[in-house]
Amino acid sequence: MTRRAESAAALFAAALLLAACGAQRAGGPELDPLLCAESDLPFDFLEQTRGDFTADDLGGLSRDHEERKREYREAGMQGGRFVFWKEALPRPPFDHPVNVLCQVLVFRSAEEAASWVEGLRVAPEVIRDTGMLWTPVTSLAVAELPSENGRLFRLEADEDGGRTTIFALHEPRGNLVLSVFAGDRAGRATAETVLRIAAARDARLEEPTAGATSASR
């Protein structure tokens, strides 16, 4: 059993705790341990914002927002929580910063969470709409990449004369889907970036203090 697989037990326990609380709220600070912390990130980042969202909030970011809202509701998505980080650059001239977004999606059941990830079509408009982030919509292209855990995608788009590349990892854990996005315009963010962030998050969750904090919130 791999280290990533072992950490699934801690994450599944958190999913069961959330499920036991019912569907009164699909977000909240109790989900924060499952988001990426500053210590999980590969270099210096500054937190920009974090918060809760509903399935309609996420679907509302789509260009086909009414259809996407309906799809998410029918998939059993209840909402979730996210945190957005931006790379802290030391001094000018500044490179294009790497942006990282981590989120937790809450579903009514483990079966619906797994089905949503499994059913993601490898289509630009689908992968673009899976995260609480703004994505350029010009000349979008997407590819699925190999991953031992969940599903990993590369999304590319033209933006102001440059090329933006975003990597997205979605992993079902109980009735949750844990997601990590990382991207930039300089090509410094890679598939390995999101995989390492997810691995660091899982390693942190294995620590006794992290488990106690998660359970006590």
Protein backbone atom coordinates (compact mmCIF):
# COMPACT_ATOMS: atom_id res chain seq x y z
CA MET A 1 0.00 0.00 0.00
CA THR A 2 1.43 3.42 -0.99
CA ARG A 3 1.69 6.41 1.32
CA ARG A 4 -1.04 8.12 -0.69
CA ALA A 5 -3.30 5.09 -0.26
CA GLU A 6 -2.67 4.96 3.49
CA SER A 7 -3.74 8.58 3.85
CA ALA A 8 -7.11 7.72 2.32
CA ALA A 9 -8.16 6.32 5.69
CA ALA A 10 -7.79 9.72 7.37
CA LEU A 11 -9.58 11.47 4.53
CA PHE A 12 -12.37 8.91 4.51
CA ALA A 13 -12.85 9.41 8.24
CA ALA A 14 -13.28 13.12 7.61
CA ALA A 15 -15.81 12.33 4.88
CA LEU A 16 -17.80 10.14 7.24
CA LEU A 17 -17.78 12.91 9.85
CA LEU A 18 -19.16 15.36 7.32
CA ALA A 19 -21.79 12.89 6.14
CA ALA A 20 -22.90 12.31 9.73
CA CYS A 21 -23.49 16.04 10.11
CA GLY A 22 -26.08 15.86 7.33
CA ALA A 23 -26.61 18.25 4.43
CA GLN A 24 -27.20 21.38 6.50
CA ARG A 25 -23.95 22.90 5.28
CA ALA A 26 -21.65 21.71 2.51
CA GLY A 27 -18.69 23.89 3.43
CA GLY A 28 -17.25 25.55 6.48
CA PRO A 29 -13.89 25.77 8.28
CA GLU A 30 -14.03 22.08 9.20
CA LEU A 31 -12.98 21.39 5.60
CA ASP A 32 -9.85 23.56 5.87
CA PRO A 33 -7.49 20.70 6.87
CA LEU A 34 -8.35 19.00 3.57
CA LEU A 35 -7.32 22.07 1.58
CA CYS A 36 -3.65 22.74 0.84
CA ALA A 37 -1.80 24.59 3.59
CA GLU A 38 1.14 26.91 3.05
CA SER A 39 3.48 24.12 4.18
CA ASP A 40 2.17 21.89 1.37
CA LEU A 41 3.23 24.31 -1.37
CA PRO A 42 6.53 23.99 -3.27
CA PHE A 43 7.80 27.55 -2.70
CA ASP A 44 6.68 30.89 -1.25
CA PHE A 45 2.99 31.68 -1.72
CA LEU A 46 0.58 34.25 -0.35
CA GLU A 47 -3.00 33.30 0.43
CA GLN A 48 -5.42 35.44 -1.58
CA THR A 49 -8.83 34.21 -0.45
CA ARG A 50 -10.79 31.22 0.83
CA GLY A 51 -14.45 30.48 1.31
CA ASP A 52 -17.46 28.26 0.82
CA PHE A 53 -19.49 27.79 -2.35
CA THR A 54 -22.60 25.98 -3.51
CA ALA A 55 -23.00 23.74 -6.54
CA ASP A 56 -24.77 26.65 -8.22
CA ASP A 57 -21.84 28.95 -7.45
CA LEU A 58 -19.45 26.58 -9.17
CA GLY A 59 -21.78 25.96 -12.09
CA GLY A 60 -22.37 29.69 -12.40
CA LEU A 61 -18.76 30.23 -13.51
CA SER A 62 -19.44 28.28 -16.70
CA ARG A 63 -20.29 29.89 -19.99
CA ASP A 64 -23.14 27.35 -20.07
CA HIS A 65 -24.03 28.13 -16.48
CA GLU A 66 -27.63 26.92 -16.36
CA GLU A 67 -26.73 23.55 -17.89
CA ARG A 68 -23.71 23.17 -15.60
CA LYS A 69 -25.73 24.05 -12.49
CA ARG A 70 -28.28 21.38 -13.41
CA GLU A 71 -25.55 18.80 -14.05
CA TYR A 72 -23.91 19.46 -10.70
CA ARG A 73 -27.17 19.28 -8.77
CA GLU A 74 -28.15 16.04 -10.49
CA ALA A 75 -24.69 14.62 -9.75
CA GLY A 76 -25.35 15.04 -6.03
CA MET A 77 -22.90 17.91 -5.54
CA GLN A 78 -23.83 19.99 -2.52
CA GLY A 79 -21.05 22.56 -2.52
CA GLY A 80 -17.61 22.86 -1.00
CA ARG A 81 -14.75 25.07 0.10
CA PHE A 82 -11.65 26.46 -1.60
CA VAL A 83 -8.44 28.37 -0.97
CA PHE A 84 -6.50 30.37 -3.58
CA TRP A 85 -2.73 30.98 -3.36
CA LYS A 86 -0.49 33.19 -5.52
CA GLU A 87 3.27 32.85 -5.71
CA ALA A 88 5.18 35.54 -3.80
CA LEU A 89 7.74 37.00 -6.19
CA PRO A 90 10.86 38.58 -4.64
CA ARG A 91 11.57 41.68 -6.72
CA PRO A 92 11.09 43.17 -10.21
CA PRO A 93 11.25 42.38 -13.02
CA PHE A 94 8.58 39.93 -11.97
CA ASP A 95 8.03 36.57 -13.61
CA HIS A 96 4.49 35.41 -14.19
CA PRO A 97 3.43 33.98 -10.81
CA VAL A 98 2.27 30.44 -10.30
CA ASN A 99 -1.31 30.25 -9.01
CA VAL A 100 -2.60 27.36 -6.88
CA LEU A 101 -6.20 26.61 -6.01
CA CYS A 102 -7.23 23.76 -3.73
CA GLN A 103 -10.84 22.79 -3.15
CA VAL A 104 -13.04 20.18 -1.54
CA LEU A 105 -16.34 19.22 -3.17
CA VAL A 106 -19.01 17.63 -0.99
CA PHE A 107 -21.44 15.08 -2.47
CA ARG A 108 -24.43 13.32 -0.96
CA SER A 109 -22.67 9.96 -1.11
CA ALA A 110 -19.34 8.31 -1.82
CA GLU A 111 -20.84 6.68 -4.91
CA GLU A 112 -21.82 10.06 -6.36
CA ALA A 113 -18.40 11.55 -5.65
CA ALA A 114 -16.63 8.68 -7.40
CA SER A 115 -19.11 8.75 -10.29
CA TRP A 116 -18.59 12.48 -10.84
CA VAL A 117 -14.82 12.09 -11.15
CA GLU A 118 -15.12 8.99 -13.32
CA GLY A 119 -17.64 10.70 -15.58
CA LEU A 120 -15.60 13.82 -16.31
CA ARG A 121 -15.30 14.14 -20.07
CA VAL A 122 -11.91 15.12 -21.49
CA ALA A 123 -13.33 18.31 -22.96
CA PRO A 124 -12.04 21.86 -22.36
CA GLU A 125 -15.38 23.29 -21.26
CA VAL A 126 -15.89 20.43 -18.78
CA ILE A 127 -12.48 20.57 -17.07
CA ARG A 128 -12.51 24.37 -17.08
CA ASP A 129 -15.73 24.33 -15.04
CA THR A 130 -14.52 21.96 -12.31
CA GLY A 131 -12.79 24.58 -10.16
CA MET A 132 -13.54 27.89 -8.46
CA LEU A 133 -11.15 29.76 -10.70
CA TRP A 134 -11.21 32.02 -13.71
CA THR A 135 -9.86 30.38 -16.84
CA PRO A 136 -9.24 31.97 -20.26
CA VAL A 137 -11.66 30.68 -22.87
CA THR A 138 -9.70 31.30 -26.09
CA SER A 139 -8.28 28.33 -27.98
CA LEU A 140 -8.80 25.94 -25.10
CA ALA A 141 -7.20 22.51 -25.30
CA VAL A 142 -7.24 19.69 -22.75
CA ALA A 143 -5.50 16.35 -22.27
CA GLU A 144 -5.69 13.69 -19.58
CA LEU A 145 -2.36 12.67 -18.06
CA PRO A 146 -1.34 9.48 -16.24
CA SER A 147 -1.99 9.48 -12.50
CA GLU A 148 -2.04 6.74 -9.88
CA ASN A 149 -4.55 8.69 -7.81
CA GLY A 150 -7.73 10.21 -9.23
CA ARG A 151 -7.69 11.90 -12.62
CA LEU A 152 -5.14 14.46 -13.82
CA PHE A 153 -5.72 16.97 -16.62
CA ARG A 154 -3.74 19.64 -18.48
CA LEU A 155 -5.73 22.63 -19.71
CA GLU A 156 -4.17 25.20 -22.06
CA ALA A 157 -5.56 28.50 -23.33
CA ASP A 158 -4.43 31.65 -25.14
CA GLU A 159 -4.35 34.74 -22.94
CA ASP A 160 -3.17 38.24 -23.91
CA GLY A 161 -0.72 36.95 -26.48
CA GLY A 162 0.63 34.24 -24.19
CA ARG A 163 -0.21 30.67 -23.32
CA THR A 164 -1.65 29.77 -19.92
CA THR A 165 -1.33 26.18 -18.74
CA ILE A 166 -3.30 24.79 -15.80
CA PHE A 167 -3.01 21.31 -14.29
CA ALA A 168 -5.98 19.88 -12.39
CA LEU A 169 -6.07 16.82 -10.14
CA HIS A 170 -9.41 15.40 -8.88
CA GLU A 171 -9.42 12.59 -6.30
CA PRO A 172 -12.60 11.04 -4.79
CA ARG A 173 -12.30 10.32 -1.08
CA GLY A 174 -15.48 9.05 0.53
CA ASN A 175 -18.26 11.53 -0.24
CA LEU A 176 -15.66 14.21 -1.02
CA VAL A 177 -13.61 15.13 -4.07
CA LEU A 178 -10.25 16.72 -3.27
CA SER A 179 -8.88 18.89 -6.07
CA VAL A 180 -5.62 20.73 -6.70
CA PHE A 181 -5.09 23.21 -9.55
CA ALA A 182 -1.77 24.87 -10.45
CA GLY A 183 -0.98 27.05 -13.44
CA ASP A 184 0.95 29.96 -14.88
CA ARG A 185 2.07 31.56 -18.14
CA ALA A 186 5.78 30.78 -17.79
CA GLY A 187 5.64 26.98 -17.89
CA ARG A 188 7.00 26.55 -14.36
CA ALA A 189 3.87 24.80 -13.09
CA THR A 190 3.81 21.16 -14.15
CA ALA A 191 1.81 18.01 -13.52
CA GLU A 192 4.39 17.14 -10.88
CA THR A 193 3.52 20.39 -9.08
CA VAL A 194 -0.06 19.35 -8.34
CA LEU A 195 0.95 15.77 -7.52
CA ARG A 196 3.52 16.98 -5.00
CA ILE A 197 1.07 19.38 -3.39
CA ALA A 198 -1.49 16.59 -3.03
CA ALA A 199 1.14 14.24 -1.60
CA ALA A 200 2.29 16.89 0.92
CA ARG A 201 -1.33 17.49 1.95
CA ASP A 202 -1.90 13.78 2.49
CA ALA A 203 1.33 13.43 4.48
CA ARG A 204 0.25 16.32 6.72
CA LEU A 205 -3.14 14.68 7.26
CA GLU A 206 -1.41 11.52 8.45
CA GLU A 207 0.24 13.42 11.30
CA PRO A 208 -1.53 12.86 14.65
CA THR A 209 -1.97 16.58 15.30
CA ALA A 210 -3.63 17.08 11.89
CA GLY A 211 -6.05 14.23 12.52
CA ALA A 212 -6.92 15.57 15.96
CA THR A 213 -7.50 19.06 14.61
CA SER A 214 -9.70 17.75 11.81
CA ALA A 215 -11.77 15.64 14.18
CA SER A 216 -12.20 18.41 16.75
CA ARG A 217 -13.51 21.06 14.38
